[in-house]
Amino acid sequence: MSDQIEQLRAKYEYIYIVREQNKKQAIFRIPKHVFIKNVLIYLEDGDLMKLSITCKFFSLMVFNPFTLRILLAVRGITKIPKTNALLSQAANQDSKLEDKKIHSSNNEDIMAQLETLKMVKEFMTDKVRGLEDSIKSHQKDLNQLKKDLFYERSQNITTTEKIQVLENKVQAFDIDKQTHGETVKELNLHYQKIVPK
């Protein structure tokens, strides 16, 4: 019993990891309406079926009622075909896909598409790394400028405090000068009284 629980837990963890990795893929971050507007409306029915069997995400997107309405409106179909007709068409497409999967040319096309996607992924990864490095360097420069600004402000504050102290001293010296000037005048008057000319 515990072995089954461990197997289920391992399976769940694997599925969780795969889902998290899939969420990081660029294709899954494209808004659905953009994907429908720019990709799905240009695909034929067979291509839509191929796309829908690639993964759950595309299956849900292709068979979404909203998507089907858009596709029907774009193709000029006013009535929605019966479900049986759709199912038989889907079954025919599935059987055709099974036959086509045998051909090696489809495999080569798929491999070429995968290689192209890998190159795009590598390019975008390198671009993101470069941008992250530039952001880090700009962040370091910003931190250094903040430190310099803080130092300049502290220097400015100490300089203004020194200027204030010096202005107070100048005012005190002016007051002393006035009092000394008055004392000198008084002494001159006493001197002139004592010493005649």
Protein backbone atom coordinates (compact mmCIF):
# COMPACT_ATOMS: atom_id res chain seq x y z
CA MET A 1 0.00 0.00 0.00
CA SER A 2 2.77 2.43 0.90
CA ASP A 3 4.55 1.57 -2.37
CA GLN A 4 1.47 2.61 -4.32
CA ILE A 5 1.25 5.83 -2.33
CA GLU A 6 4.92 6.55 -3.03
CA GLN A 7 4.42 5.84 -6.74
CA LEU A 8 1.40 8.14 -6.86
CA ARG A 9 3.31 10.82 -4.97
CA ALA A 10 6.27 10.52 -7.38
CA LYS A 11 3.90 10.66 -10.36
CA TYR A 12 2.17 13.72 -8.92
CA GLU A 13 5.50 15.48 -8.29
CA TYR A 14 6.63 14.69 -11.84
CA ILE A 15 3.38 16.07 -13.28
CA TYR A 16 3.72 19.17 -11.10
CA ILE A 17 7.31 19.76 -12.26
CA VAL A 18 6.31 19.31 -15.91
CA ARG A 19 3.42 21.75 -15.49
CA GLU A 20 5.67 24.33 -13.87
CA GLN A 21 8.19 23.96 -16.70
CA ASN A 22 5.42 24.29 -19.26
CA LYS A 23 4.21 27.49 -17.60
CA LYS A 24 7.65 28.97 -18.23
CA GLN A 25 7.46 28.23 -21.97
CA ALA A 26 6.89 31.34 -24.06
CA ILE A 27 4.10 29.76 -26.12
CA PHE A 28 1.92 29.32 -23.03
CA ARG A 29 2.36 32.95 -21.98
CA ILE A 30 0.89 34.28 -25.23
CA PRO A 31 -2.63 35.57 -24.58
CA LYS A 32 -5.23 33.25 -26.09
CA HIS A 33 -6.98 35.95 -28.09
CA VAL A 34 -3.68 36.91 -29.73
CA PHE A 35 -2.95 33.29 -30.60
CA ILE A 36 -6.45 32.80 -32.01
CA LYS A 37 -6.36 36.04 -33.97
CA ASN A 38 -2.88 35.61 -35.42
CA VAL A 39 -2.49 31.84 -35.79
CA LEU A 40 -5.58 29.70 -35.50
CA ILE A 41 -7.75 31.50 -38.04
CA TYR A 42 -5.17 30.82 -40.76
CA LEU A 43 -4.97 27.07 -40.14
CA GLU A 44 -6.97 24.52 -42.10
CA ASP A 45 -9.11 21.92 -40.33
CA GLY A 46 -6.44 19.24 -40.63
CA ASP A 47 -3.80 21.52 -39.17
CA LEU A 48 -6.15 22.46 -36.34
CA MET A 49 -6.65 18.79 -35.55
CA LYS A 50 -2.90 18.19 -35.56
CA LEU A 51 -2.44 21.14 -33.25
CA SER A 52 -5.19 19.97 -30.92
CA ILE A 53 -3.58 16.55 -30.35
CA THR A 54 -0.17 17.97 -29.48
CA CYS A 55 -1.10 18.90 -25.92
CA LYS A 56 -3.97 19.65 -23.57
CA PHE A 57 -3.46 23.41 -23.83
CA PHE A 58 -3.96 23.46 -27.60
CA SER A 59 -6.79 20.94 -27.41
CA LEU A 60 -8.69 23.17 -25.00
CA MET A 61 -7.93 26.19 -27.14
CA VAL A 62 -9.06 24.63 -30.44
CA PHE A 63 -12.24 23.07 -29.05
CA ASN A 64 -13.17 26.13 -27.02
CA PRO A 65 -16.68 27.35 -28.04
CA PHE A 66 -15.38 30.90 -28.33
CA THR A 67 -12.64 29.76 -30.73
CA LEU A 68 -15.05 27.67 -32.77
CA ARG A 69 -17.40 30.67 -33.15
CA ILE A 70 -14.53 32.84 -34.33
CA LEU A 71 -13.35 30.19 -36.79
CA LEU A 72 -16.86 29.73 -38.16
CA ALA A 73 -17.36 33.49 -38.47
CA VAL A 74 -14.04 33.91 -40.28
CA ARG A 75 -14.87 31.10 -42.69
CA GLY A 76 -18.33 32.51 -43.35
CA ILE A 77 -20.30 29.59 -41.94
CA THR A 78 -23.55 30.78 -40.43
CA LYS A 79 -24.88 27.49 -39.03
CA ILE A 80 -22.91 25.32 -36.66
CA PRO A 81 -22.68 21.77 -38.06
CA LYS A 82 -24.14 18.96 -35.99
CA THR A 83 -21.97 17.33 -33.38
CA ASN A 84 -22.04 13.96 -35.16
CA ALA A 85 -20.62 15.53 -38.28
CA LEU A 86 -17.88 17.15 -36.24
CA LEU A 87 -17.09 13.91 -34.47
CA SER A 88 -16.97 11.94 -37.72
CA GLN A 89 -14.75 14.64 -39.23
CA ALA A 90 -12.51 14.47 -36.17
CA ALA A 91 -12.35 10.67 -36.42
CA ASN A 92 -11.48 10.92 -40.13
CA GLN A 93 -8.81 13.47 -39.31
CA ASP A 94 -7.42 11.22 -36.57
CA SER A 95 -7.19 8.27 -38.94
CA LYS A 96 -5.54 10.46 -41.55
CA LEU A 97 -3.11 11.72 -38.93
CA GLU A 98 -2.26 8.15 -37.97
CA ASP A 99 -1.42 7.41 -41.61
CA LYS A 100 0.59 10.60 -41.97
CA LYS A 101 2.57 9.98 -38.81
CA ILE A 102 4.17 7.03 -40.56
CA HIS A 103 5.74 9.21 -43.20
CA SER A 104 9.23 10.37 -42.38
CA SER A 105 8.76 13.75 -44.02
CA ASN A 106 6.41 14.80 -41.23
CA ASN A 107 8.99 13.70 -38.70
CA GLU A 108 11.62 15.75 -40.50
CA ASP A 109 9.31 18.76 -40.51
CA ILE A 110 8.64 18.31 -36.82
CA MET A 111 12.36 17.99 -36.09
CA ALA A 112 13.07 21.12 -38.14
CA GLN A 113 10.39 23.01 -36.24
CA LEU A 114 11.81 21.79 -32.95
CA GLU A 115 15.30 22.90 -33.96
CA THR A 116 13.95 26.30 -34.94
CA LEU A 117 12.13 26.61 -31.63
CA LYS A 118 15.30 25.59 -29.76
CA MET A 119 17.31 28.26 -31.59
CA VAL A 120 14.66 30.88 -30.83
CA LYS A 121 14.65 29.79 -27.19
CA GLU A 122 18.45 30.03 -26.98
CA PHE A 123 18.40 33.46 -28.63
CA MET A 124 15.73 34.73 -26.26
CA THR A 125 17.51 33.19 -23.26
CA ASP A 126 20.76 34.93 -24.23
CA LYS A 127 18.88 38.18 -24.73
CA VAL A 128 17.23 37.88 -21.32
CA ARG A 129 20.57 37.10 -19.67
CA GLY A 130 22.13 40.14 -21.32
CA LEU A 131 19.27 42.33 -20.14
CA GLU A 132 19.53 40.90 -16.62
CA ASP A 133 23.27 41.67 -16.58
CA SER A 134 22.66 45.23 -17.75
CA ILE A 135 19.94 45.64 -15.12
CA LYS A 136 22.36 44.42 -12.43
CA SER A 137 25.06 46.85 -13.58
CA HIS A 138 22.55 49.71 -13.67
CA GLN A 139 21.37 48.72 -10.21
CA LYS A 140 24.97 48.85 -8.93
CA ASP A 141 25.43 52.29 -10.53
CA LEU A 142 22.17 53.45 -8.98
CA ASN A 143 23.25 52.24 -5.53
CA GLN A 144 26.60 54.02 -5.90
CA LEU A 145 24.84 57.24 -6.95
CA LYS A 146 22.54 56.96 -3.93
CA LYS A 147 25.59 56.61 -1.67
CA ASP A 148 27.25 59.61 -3.34
CA LEU A 149 24.06 61.67 -2.99
CA PHE A 150 23.79 60.74 0.70
CA TYR A 151 27.45 61.72 1.24
CA GLU A 152 26.96 65.03 -0.61
CA ARG A 153 23.85 65.80 1.44
CA SER A 154 25.68 65.07 4.69
CA GLN A 155 28.57 67.27 3.54
CA ASN A 156 26.10 69.99 2.58
CA ILE A 157 24.43 69.79 5.99
CA THR A 158 27.78 70.05 7.82
CA THR A 159 28.82 72.94 5.55
CA THR A 160 25.59 74.84 6.23
CA GLU A 161 26.06 74.23 9.96
CA LYS A 162 29.62 75.61 9.73
CA ILE A 163 28.36 78.63 7.77
CA GLN A 164 25.72 79.24 10.44
CA VAL A 165 28.34 79.05 13.21
CA LEU A 166 30.61 81.45 11.33
CA GLU A 167 27.72 83.90 10.75
CA ASN A 168 26.96 83.77 14.49
CA LYS A 169 30.63 84.49 15.25
CA VAL A 170 30.63 87.41 12.77
CA GLN A 171 27.54 88.84 14.47
CA ALA A 172 29.23 88.43 17.86
CA PHE A 173 32.35 90.14 16.51
CA ASP A 174 30.21 93.00 15.12
CA ILE A 175 28.61 93.44 18.54
CA ASP A 176 32.06 93.32 20.21
CA LYS A 177 33.34 95.81 17.64
CA GLN A 178 30.50 98.20 18.41
CA THR A 179 31.03 97.89 22.17
CA HIS A 180 34.80 98.32 21.75
CA GLY A 181 34.17 101.30 19.46
CA GLU A 182 32.00 102.89 22.12
CA THR A 183 34.60 102.17 24.80
CA VAL A 184 37.32 103.70 22.61
CA LYS A 185 35.20 106.82 22.12
CA GLU A 186 34.65 107.10 25.88
CA LEU A 187 38.36 106.60 26.50
CA ASN A 188 39.17 109.28 23.89
CA LEU A 189 36.77 111.69 25.60
CA HIS A 190 38.38 111.00 29.00
CA TYR A 191 41.80 111.28 27.45
CA GLN A 192 40.97 114.61 25.85
CA LYS A 193 39.61 115.89 29.15
CA ILE A 194 42.70 114.79 30.98
CA VAL A 195 45.26 115.85 28.43
CA PRO A 196 44.70 119.40 27.10
CA LYS A 197 45.75 120.27 23.60
